[in-house]
Protein backbone atom coordinates (compact mmCIF):
# COMPACT_ATOMS: atom_id res chain seq x y z
CA ILE A 1 -9.17 11.82 -4.92
CA THR A 2 -10.50 11.56 -8.45
CA SER A 3 -7.14 10.16 -9.55
CA MET A 4 -7.55 7.39 -6.98
CA PHE A 5 -10.96 6.22 -8.20
CA GLY A 6 -11.14 7.59 -11.75
CA GLN A 7 -9.94 5.64 -14.78
CA GLN A 8 -8.28 3.08 -12.58
CA ALA A 9 -7.20 0.71 -15.30
CA ASP A 10 -5.03 3.42 -16.84
CA ARG A 11 -3.78 4.94 -13.59
CA VAL A 12 -0.36 4.54 -12.10
CA MET A 13 0.07 5.81 -8.55
CA ALA A 14 3.48 6.03 -6.95
CA LEU A 15 4.14 5.78 -3.23
CA GLY A 16 5.27 9.40 -3.26
CA GLU A 17 1.88 10.42 -4.60
CA TRP A 18 0.14 8.67 -1.69
CA GLU A 19 2.40 10.50 0.76
CA GLU A 20 1.55 13.79 -0.93
CA TYR A 21 -2.16 13.25 -0.31
CA TRP A 22 -1.38 13.16 3.41
CA GLN A 23 1.06 16.06 3.30
CA ARG A 24 -1.54 18.23 1.53
CA ASN A 25 -4.27 16.91 3.83
CA GLU A 26 -6.26 15.71 0.82
CA ILE A 27 -7.65 12.77 2.76
CA GLY A 28 -11.30 12.62 1.76
CA PHE A 29 -10.88 8.84 1.81
CA HIS A 30 -10.32 8.95 5.61
CA GLN A 31 -13.45 8.17 7.61
CA PRO A 32 -13.75 9.74 11.07
CA GLN A 33 -16.09 6.96 12.24
CA VAL A 34 -15.63 3.20 12.36
CA HIS A 35 -16.40 1.83 8.91
CA LYS A 36 -19.96 0.50 8.57
CA ILE A 37 -18.83 -2.62 6.72
CA LEU A 38 -16.55 -3.57 9.62
CA LYS A 39 -19.23 -2.83 12.21
CA ASN A 40 -21.89 -4.77 10.30
CA ASN A 41 -19.69 -7.81 9.74
CA ILE A 42 -17.46 -7.92 12.82
CA ASP A 43 -19.13 -11.10 14.13
CA LYS A 44 -18.39 -12.91 10.86
CA VAL A 45 -14.77 -11.75 11.01
CA LEU A 46 -14.24 -12.74 14.64
CA ASN A 47 -16.15 -16.02 14.27
CA GLY A 48 -16.30 -16.41 18.04
CA ARG A 49 -12.60 -15.71 18.58
CA LYS A 50 -11.10 -13.36 21.16
CA GLY A 51 -7.73 -11.59 21.06
CA VAL A 52 -7.46 -11.78 17.27
CA ARG A 53 -4.42 -10.33 15.47
CA PHE A 54 -5.67 -7.90 12.81
CA PHE A 55 -3.66 -6.70 9.82
CA PHE A 56 -4.44 -3.37 8.12
CA PRO A 57 -2.83 -2.84 4.69
CA LEU A 58 -2.44 0.87 3.81
CA CYS A 59 -3.86 1.67 7.23
CA GLY A 60 -3.68 5.48 7.18
CA LYS A 61 -5.01 6.72 10.51
CA ALA A 62 -8.13 4.55 10.50
CA VAL A 63 -10.13 4.85 13.71
CA ASP A 64 -11.10 1.21 13.14
CA MET A 65 -7.71 0.24 14.56
CA LYS A 66 -8.41 1.78 17.96
CA TRP A 67 -11.95 0.37 17.95
CA LEU A 68 -10.58 -3.16 17.53
CA ALA A 69 -7.77 -2.61 20.04
CA ASP A 70 -10.30 -1.36 22.61
CA MET A 71 -12.11 -4.69 22.14
CA GLY A 72 -8.94 -6.55 23.13
CA HIS A 73 -7.58 -7.40 19.70
CA SER A 74 -4.07 -6.58 18.53
CA VAL A 75 -3.44 -4.50 15.41
CA VAL A 76 -0.58 -4.33 12.92
CA GLY A 77 -0.79 -1.78 10.12
CA VAL A 78 1.44 -0.76 7.22
CA GLU A 79 1.42 2.83 5.95
CA ILE A 80 3.90 4.81 3.85
CA SER A 81 2.96 8.17 5.38
CA GLU A 82 4.70 8.99 8.65
CA LYS A 83 2.28 11.89 9.10
CA ALA A 84 -0.71 9.54 9.00
CA ILE A 85 0.80 7.25 11.63
CA ARG A 86 1.70 10.06 14.00
CA GLN A 87 -1.75 11.60 13.58
CA PHE A 88 -3.37 8.27 14.47
CA PHE A 89 -1.66 8.12 17.84
CA GLU A 90 -1.94 11.83 18.58
CA GLU A 91 -5.62 12.15 17.64
CA ASN A 92 -6.44 9.14 19.82
CA ASN A 93 -4.38 10.50 22.75
CA MET A 94 -2.09 7.49 22.69
CA THR A 95 1.60 7.48 23.54
CA TYR A 96 3.92 5.61 21.22
CA THR A 97 7.48 4.50 20.75
CA GLU A 98 9.43 4.67 17.50
CA GLU A 99 11.94 2.01 16.48
CA PRO A 100 13.84 1.07 13.30
CA VAL A 101 12.94 -2.18 11.52
CA PRO A 102 16.27 -3.91 10.88
CA ALA A 103 14.88 -6.18 8.15
CA ILE A 104 13.53 -3.22 6.11
CA PRO A 105 16.08 -0.48 5.42
CA GLY A 106 14.68 2.95 6.25
CA ALA A 107 11.51 1.58 7.81
CA LYS A 108 10.21 2.42 11.28
CA VAL A 109 7.61 0.84 13.52
CA TYR A 110 5.49 2.96 15.85
CA LYS A 111 4.03 1.07 18.81
CA ASN A 112 1.56 1.56 21.62
CA SER A 113 2.16 -1.40 23.91
CA GLU A 114 -0.86 -0.74 26.14
CA LYS A 115 -3.28 -1.34 23.26
CA ASN A 116 -0.95 -3.64 21.33
CA ILE A 117 -0.90 -1.54 18.15
CA SER A 118 2.13 -1.60 15.82
CA LEU A 119 2.18 0.57 12.71
CA TYR A 120 4.98 0.06 10.21
CA GLN A 121 6.04 3.02 8.09
CA CYS A 122 7.28 1.38 4.90
CA ASP A 123 6.39 0.22 1.41
CA LEU A 124 3.63 -2.39 1.77
CA TYR A 125 5.50 -4.82 -0.47
CA ALA A 126 8.56 -4.65 1.76
CA PHE A 127 6.45 -6.15 4.56
CA SER A 128 6.18 -9.91 5.02
CA SER A 129 5.23 -12.59 7.53
CA SER A 130 8.89 -12.76 8.56
CA ILE A 131 8.54 -9.21 9.94
CA ASP A 132 5.54 -9.73 12.22
CA GLY A 133 4.04 -13.18 11.66
CA GLN A 134 0.66 -14.14 10.22
CA PHE A 135 -2.77 -12.85 11.13
CA GLY A 136 -6.14 -14.17 12.21
CA ALA A 137 -7.98 -11.33 10.48
CA ILE A 138 -7.32 -8.76 7.78
CA TRP A 139 -9.44 -5.65 7.23
CA ASP A 140 -8.90 -4.22 3.78
CA ARG A 141 -10.67 -0.85 3.69
CA GLY A 142 -10.30 -0.33 -0.05
CA SER A 143 -6.55 -0.93 -0.36
CA LEU A 144 -7.14 -3.24 -3.31
CA VAL A 145 -8.96 -0.33 -4.97
CA ALA A 146 -6.13 2.11 -4.30
CA ILE A 147 -3.18 0.06 -5.53
CA ASN A 148 -1.96 0.02 -9.12
CA PRO A 149 -3.89 -2.53 -11.21
CA ALA A 150 -0.57 -4.00 -12.36
CA ASP A 151 0.25 -4.81 -8.72
CA ARG A 152 -2.92 -6.79 -7.97
CA GLU A 153 -1.34 -10.25 -8.27
CA LYS A 154 1.61 -9.16 -6.12
CA TYR A 155 -0.83 -7.67 -3.61
CA ALA A 156 -2.94 -10.85 -3.50
CA ALA A 157 0.17 -12.99 -3.01
CA LEU A 158 1.30 -10.81 -0.10
CA ILE A 159 -2.12 -10.91 1.57
CA ILE A 160 -2.42 -14.68 1.19
CA SER A 161 1.07 -15.13 2.69
CA LEU A 162 -0.03 -13.14 5.75
CA MET A 163 -3.16 -15.24 6.35
CA ALA A 164 -3.04 -17.77 9.17
CA LYS A 165 -5.05 -20.95 8.65
CA ASP A 166 -8.01 -19.52 10.57
CA CYS A 167 -7.74 -16.07 8.97
CA ARG A 168 -10.88 -14.22 7.94
CA TYR A 169 -10.17 -11.44 5.46
CA LEU A 170 -12.81 -8.71 5.14
CA LEU A 171 -12.44 -6.85 1.85
CA GLU A 172 -14.19 -3.60 0.95
CA THR A 173 -14.25 -2.98 -2.78
CA LEU A 174 -15.84 -0.54 -5.19
CA LEU A 175 -15.24 -2.27 -8.51
CA TYR A 176 -13.93 -5.76 -8.00
CA ASN A 177 -13.69 -9.05 -9.83
CA PRO A 178 -13.67 -11.98 -7.36
CA ASP A 179 -11.85 -14.00 -10.02
CA LEU A 180 -8.71 -12.39 -8.60
CA TYR A 181 -8.78 -15.04 -5.89
CA GLU A 182 -9.87 -17.96 -8.08
CA GLY A 183 -7.22 -20.63 -8.35
CA THR A 184 -5.80 -19.75 -4.96
CA ASP A 185 -6.32 -21.58 -1.70
CA CYS A 186 -9.10 -19.17 -0.68
CA ASP A 187 -12.87 -18.96 -0.85
CA ALA A 188 -14.51 -15.58 -1.49
CA ASP A 189 -18.08 -14.88 -0.32
CA LEU A 190 -20.01 -11.69 -1.08
CA LEU A 191 -21.41 -10.42 2.23
CA GLN A 192 -23.12 -7.25 1.06
CA SER A 193 -23.48 -4.95 -1.91
CA VAL A 194 -24.81 -1.43 -1.44
CA ASP A 195 -25.35 1.62 -3.61
CA ALA A 196 -22.73 4.11 -2.38
CA MET A 197 -23.54 6.85 -4.90
CA THR A 198 -23.27 10.41 -3.57
CA ASP A 199 -22.99 13.88 -5.07
CA LEU A 200 -19.21 13.46 -5.00
CA GLN A 201 -19.34 10.53 -7.42
CA ARG A 202 -21.77 12.44 -9.65
CA GLN A 203 -19.21 15.24 -9.80
CA TRP A 204 -16.72 12.67 -11.07
CA GLY A 205 -19.15 11.92 -13.91
CA LEU A 206 -20.16 8.50 -12.60
CA ASP A 207 -23.70 7.18 -12.88
CA LYS A 208 -23.16 4.10 -10.68
CA PHE A 209 -21.02 3.50 -7.60
CA THR A 210 -21.37 0.20 -5.75
CA GLN A 211 -19.64 -0.76 -2.51
CA ASN A 212 -19.13 -4.48 -1.93
CA ALA A 213 -17.89 -6.47 1.03
CA HIS A 214 -16.31 -9.90 0.60
CA LEU A 215 -15.21 -12.37 3.26
CA ILE A 216 -12.19 -14.34 2.09
CA THR A 217 -11.04 -17.43 3.97
CA PRO A 218 -8.44 -20.15 3.36
CA LYS A 219 -10.01 -23.30 1.94
CA SER A 220 -10.21 -26.21 4.36
CA SER A 221 -7.52 -28.74 3.59
C-alpha cells in the first residue's frame, strides 16, 4: 500500500502489480462500507435524476456498486483483477454471467442482469464509449491517485470522453491539483476537504493527509 501512496511522482505501477495486490489479498484500500464521500454527496451527484448510469474506473469489489444498483441505478465498472470482480459478485450473493468482449482482445465482461451491473475485466485504457456508451455519473474512488502520474492526461481524456452532457463526476482525491481539468470543457468544484490522517499514514512518515471531494461537470454550451 505504501507504494501506492508514497512518493507518487516517482512511482511507476504496472497493471500486473495491481493484480498482485489482489492475488496477495493486500487490499487495505478496499472499504467494506459504502464510501462516506459518496453517501454525503449522493444528492449532488444524482441531481434529482433516477436510473442513472454510473461508471466506476478501477472498481475493485467496491460495495458502493451494489448500493447504487439497489437504488435502481445501473453500474459499469472496469477492473484488471478477475479475482476482485468474482469476489464482488460472490460476496454480495449475486449470480453472474461471463462473456468475451469482442472489441477488446482477451477482455471479459461479468454481468448481473437483475441489478444491471456489468464489470469489465481489462486494461482501463482499452475501454471506451464505443464499448458501453457514455455515463450520467462517474464515481472515482481514488483511481486518479492510484494511476501513474505520467498517465494523468490520458486518464482525464478517457474520463471526459465517457461523460454524457448531464454527467456529474464525483472525484475522491488525496493530493490533487484541480488544474488538471483546466482548459477542458469541465468545471471542477471542491465539495469537501477533510483531515484523513490516521496511525497508518503516520507509519508512512506523513505529517499531513487530506481527503478531498470534487464534483466535475461538463460546462454548459
